[in-house]
C-alpha atoms as a PDB file:
ATOM      1  CA  UNK A   1     -70.214 -75.652 -30.006  1.00  0.00           C
ATOM      2  CA  UNK A   2     -70.639 -74.318 -26.559  1.00  0.00           C
ATOM      3  CA  UNK A   3     -68.342 -75.330 -23.400  1.00  0.00           C
ATOM      4  CA  UNK A   4     -69.001 -74.979 -19.566  1.00  0.00           C
ATOM      5  CA  UNK A   5     -66.389 -74.475 -16.985  1.00  0.00           C
ATOM      6  CA  UNK A   6     -65.947 -73.695 -13.662  1.00  0.00           C
ATOM      7  CA  UNK A   7     -62.938 -71.726 -12.518  1.00  0.00           C
ATOM      8  CA  UNK A   8     -61.422 -71.052  -9.271  1.00  0.00           C
ATOM      9  CA  UNK A   9     -58.947 -68.100  -9.372  1.00  0.00           C
ATOM     10  CA  UNK A  10     -56.629 -67.519  -6.311  1.00  0.00           C
ATOM     11  CA  UNK A  11     -54.477 -64.440  -5.367  1.00  0.00           C
ATOM     12  CA  UNK A  12     -55.291 -61.119  -4.617  1.00  0.00           C
ATOM     13  CA  UNK A  13     -58.822 -61.322  -6.562  1.00  0.00           C
ATOM     14  CA  UNK A  14     -61.226 -60.126  -3.854  1.00  0.00           C
ATOM     15  CA  UNK A  15     -61.438 -55.870  -3.459  1.00  0.00           C
ATOM     16  CA  UNK A  16     -60.050 -55.256  -6.459  1.00  0.00           C
ATOM     17  CA  UNK A  17     -63.083 -55.371  -8.926  1.00  0.00           C
ATOM     18  CA  UNK A  18     -62.366 -58.974 -10.380  1.00  0.00           C
ATOM     19  CA  UNK A  19     -65.947 -59.664 -10.522  1.00  0.00           C
ATOM     20  CA  UNK A  20     -67.077 -56.893 -12.316  1.00  0.00           C
ATOM     21  CA  UNK A  21     -64.229 -56.660 -14.513  1.00  0.00           C
ATOM     22  CA  UNK A  22     -64.583 -60.528 -15.563  1.00  0.00           C
ATOM     23  CA  UNK A  23     -67.934 -59.934 -15.895  1.00  0.00           C
ATOM     24  CA  UNK A  24     -67.450 -56.877 -18.859  1.00  0.00           C
ATOM     25  CA  UNK A  25     -64.661 -59.147 -20.247  1.00  0.00           C
ATOM     26  CA  UNK A  26     -67.210 -62.130 -20.605  1.00  0.00           C
ATOM     27  CA  UNK A  27     -70.045 -59.804 -22.370  1.00  0.00           C
ATOM     28  CA  UNK A  28     -67.693 -58.828 -24.654  1.00  0.00           C
ATOM     29  CA  UNK A  29     -66.703 -62.334 -25.573  1.00  0.00           C
ATOM     30  CA  UNK A  30     -70.300 -63.620 -25.725  1.00  0.00           C
ATOM     31  CA  UNK A  31     -69.761 -65.388 -22.782  1.00  0.00           C
ATOM     32  CA  UNK A  32     -72.263 -66.410 -19.787  1.00  0.00           C
ATOM     33  CA  UNK A  33     -72.063 -67.062 -16.473  1.00  0.00           C
ATOM     34  CA  UNK A  34     -71.604 -65.763 -12.985  1.00  0.00           C
ATOM     35  CA  UNK A  35     -68.555 -64.725 -10.438  1.00  0.00           C
ATOM     36  CA  UNK A  36     -68.896 -65.169  -6.834  1.00  0.00           C
ATOM     37  CA  UNK A  37     -66.584 -64.045  -4.298  1.00  0.00           C
ATOM     38  CA  UNK A  38     -65.909 -67.252  -1.849  1.00  0.00           C
ATOM     39  CA  UNK A  39     -65.237 -66.824   2.012  1.00  0.00           C
ATOM     40  CA  UNK A  40     -61.789 -67.742   1.479  1.00  0.00           C
ATOM     41  CA  UNK A  41     -60.558 -64.888  -0.392  1.00  0.00           C
ATOM     42  CA  UNK A  42     -60.912 -66.722  -3.952  1.00  0.00           C
ATOM     43  CA  UNK A  43     -62.934 -65.756  -6.828  1.00  0.00           C
ATOM     44  CA  UNK A  44     -65.396 -68.598  -8.260  1.00  0.00           C
ATOM     45  CA  UNK A  45     -66.296 -67.990 -11.763  1.00  0.00           C
ATOM     46  CA  UNK A  46     -69.001 -70.399 -13.745  1.00  0.00           C
ATOM     47  CA  UNK A  47     -68.843 -69.401 -17.837  1.00  0.00           C
ATOM     48  CA  UNK A  48     -70.231 -71.214 -20.667  1.00  0.00           C
ATOM     49  CA  UNK A  49     -69.168 -70.014 -24.213  1.00  0.00           C
ATOM     50  CA  UNK A  50     -67.666 -70.945 -27.643  1.00  0.00           C
ATOM     51  CA  UNK A  51     -64.548 -72.670 -27.417  1.00  0.00           C
ATOM     52  CA  UNK A  52     -62.213 -69.763 -29.146  1.00  0.00           C
ATOM     53  CA  UNK A  53     -64.117 -67.208 -26.740  1.00  0.00           C
ATOM     54  CA  UNK A  54     -63.655 -69.177 -23.638  1.00  0.00           C
ATOM     55  CA  UNK A  55     -59.538 -69.915 -24.317  1.00  0.00           C
ATOM     56  CA  UNK A  56     -59.532 -65.740 -24.317  1.00  0.00           C
ATOM     57  CA  UNK A  57     -61.650 -65.931 -21.369  1.00  0.00           C
ATOM     58  CA  UNK A  58     -58.919 -68.380 -19.444  1.00  0.00           C
ATOM     59  CA  UNK A  59     -56.153 -66.262 -20.656  1.00  0.00           C
ATOM     60  CA  UNK A  60     -57.594 -63.030 -19.097  1.00  0.00           C
ATOM     61  CA  UNK A  61     -58.551 -64.984 -15.750  1.00  0.00           C
ATOM     62  CA  UNK A  62     -54.725 -65.224 -15.155  1.00  0.00           C
ATOM     63  CA  UNK A  63     -54.039 -61.302 -15.641  1.00  0.00           C
ATOM     64  CA  UNK A  64     -57.734 -59.797 -14.430  1.00  0.00           C
ATOM     65  CA  UNK A  65     -57.772 -56.175 -13.548  1.00  0.00           C
ATOM     66  CA  UNK A  66     -54.995 -53.617 -13.020  1.00  0.00           C
ATOM     67  CA  UNK A  67     -55.239 -54.050  -9.248  1.00  0.00           C
ATOM     68  CA  UNK A  68     -55.767 -57.921  -8.907  1.00  0.00           C
ATOM     69  CA  UNK A  69     -52.431 -60.296  -8.302  1.00  0.00           C
ATOM     70  CA  UNK A  70     -53.330 -63.513  -9.676  1.00  0.00           C
ATOM     71  CA  UNK A  71     -51.311 -66.446  -8.052  1.00  0.00           C
ATOM     72  CA  UNK A  72     -53.518 -69.322  -9.795  1.00  0.00           C
ATOM     73  CA  UNK A  73     -56.279 -70.284 -11.698  1.00  0.00           C
ATOM     74  CA  UNK A  74     -57.841 -73.892 -11.982  1.00  0.00           C
ATOM     75  CA  UNK A  75     -60.321 -75.142 -14.373  1.00  0.00           C
ATOM     76  CA  UNK A  76     -62.778 -77.949 -14.914  1.00  0.00           C
ATOM     77  CA  UNK A  77     -65.455 -78.927 -16.822  1.00  0.00           C
ATOM     78  CA  UNK A  78     -69.099 -77.730 -15.691  1.00  0.00           C
ATOM     79  CA  UNK A  79     -71.926 -79.671 -15.786  1.00  0.00           C
ATOM     80  CA  UNK A  80     -74.620 -77.840 -14.045  1.00  0.00           C
ATOM     81  CA  UNK A  81     -77.504 -75.397 -14.753  1.00  0.00           C
ATOM     82  CA  UNK A  82     -75.929 -72.371 -16.627  1.00  0.00           C
ATOM     83  CA  UNK A  83     -77.146 -68.616 -16.300  1.00  0.00           C
ATOM     84  CA  UNK A  84     -78.248 -66.418 -19.057  1.00  0.00           C
ATOM     85  CA  UNK A  85     -76.092 -63.528 -19.116  1.00  0.00           C
ATOM     86  CA  UNK A  86     -73.326 -62.635 -16.687  1.00  0.00           C
ATOM     87  CA  UNK A  87     -74.255 -62.316 -13.086  1.00  0.00           C
ATOM     88  CA  UNK A  88     -72.312 -61.153 -10.134  1.00  0.00           C
ATOM     89  CA  UNK A  89     -73.515 -63.033  -7.155  1.00  0.00           C
ATOM     90  CA  UNK A  90     -73.065 -61.959  -3.503  1.00  0.00           C
END
């Protein structure tokens, strides 16, 4: 069963390839979605996939790439339109 979530990642998450590595991890796990830098320095990710893959992705978001320093990850159900594949928005 597919589930969809919206994540808000806080910390040092811009300028450290967070969106790019999140896209690679999502593709590895078979997750579709998108990632965008927000003006306040956070990263927002919309993701959809199987529950087990989404749990692994959620756990990864707490770490991110080596250069990142994640302080928090919030998660809520997402009911909007879901993209195919994984895109990085600018």
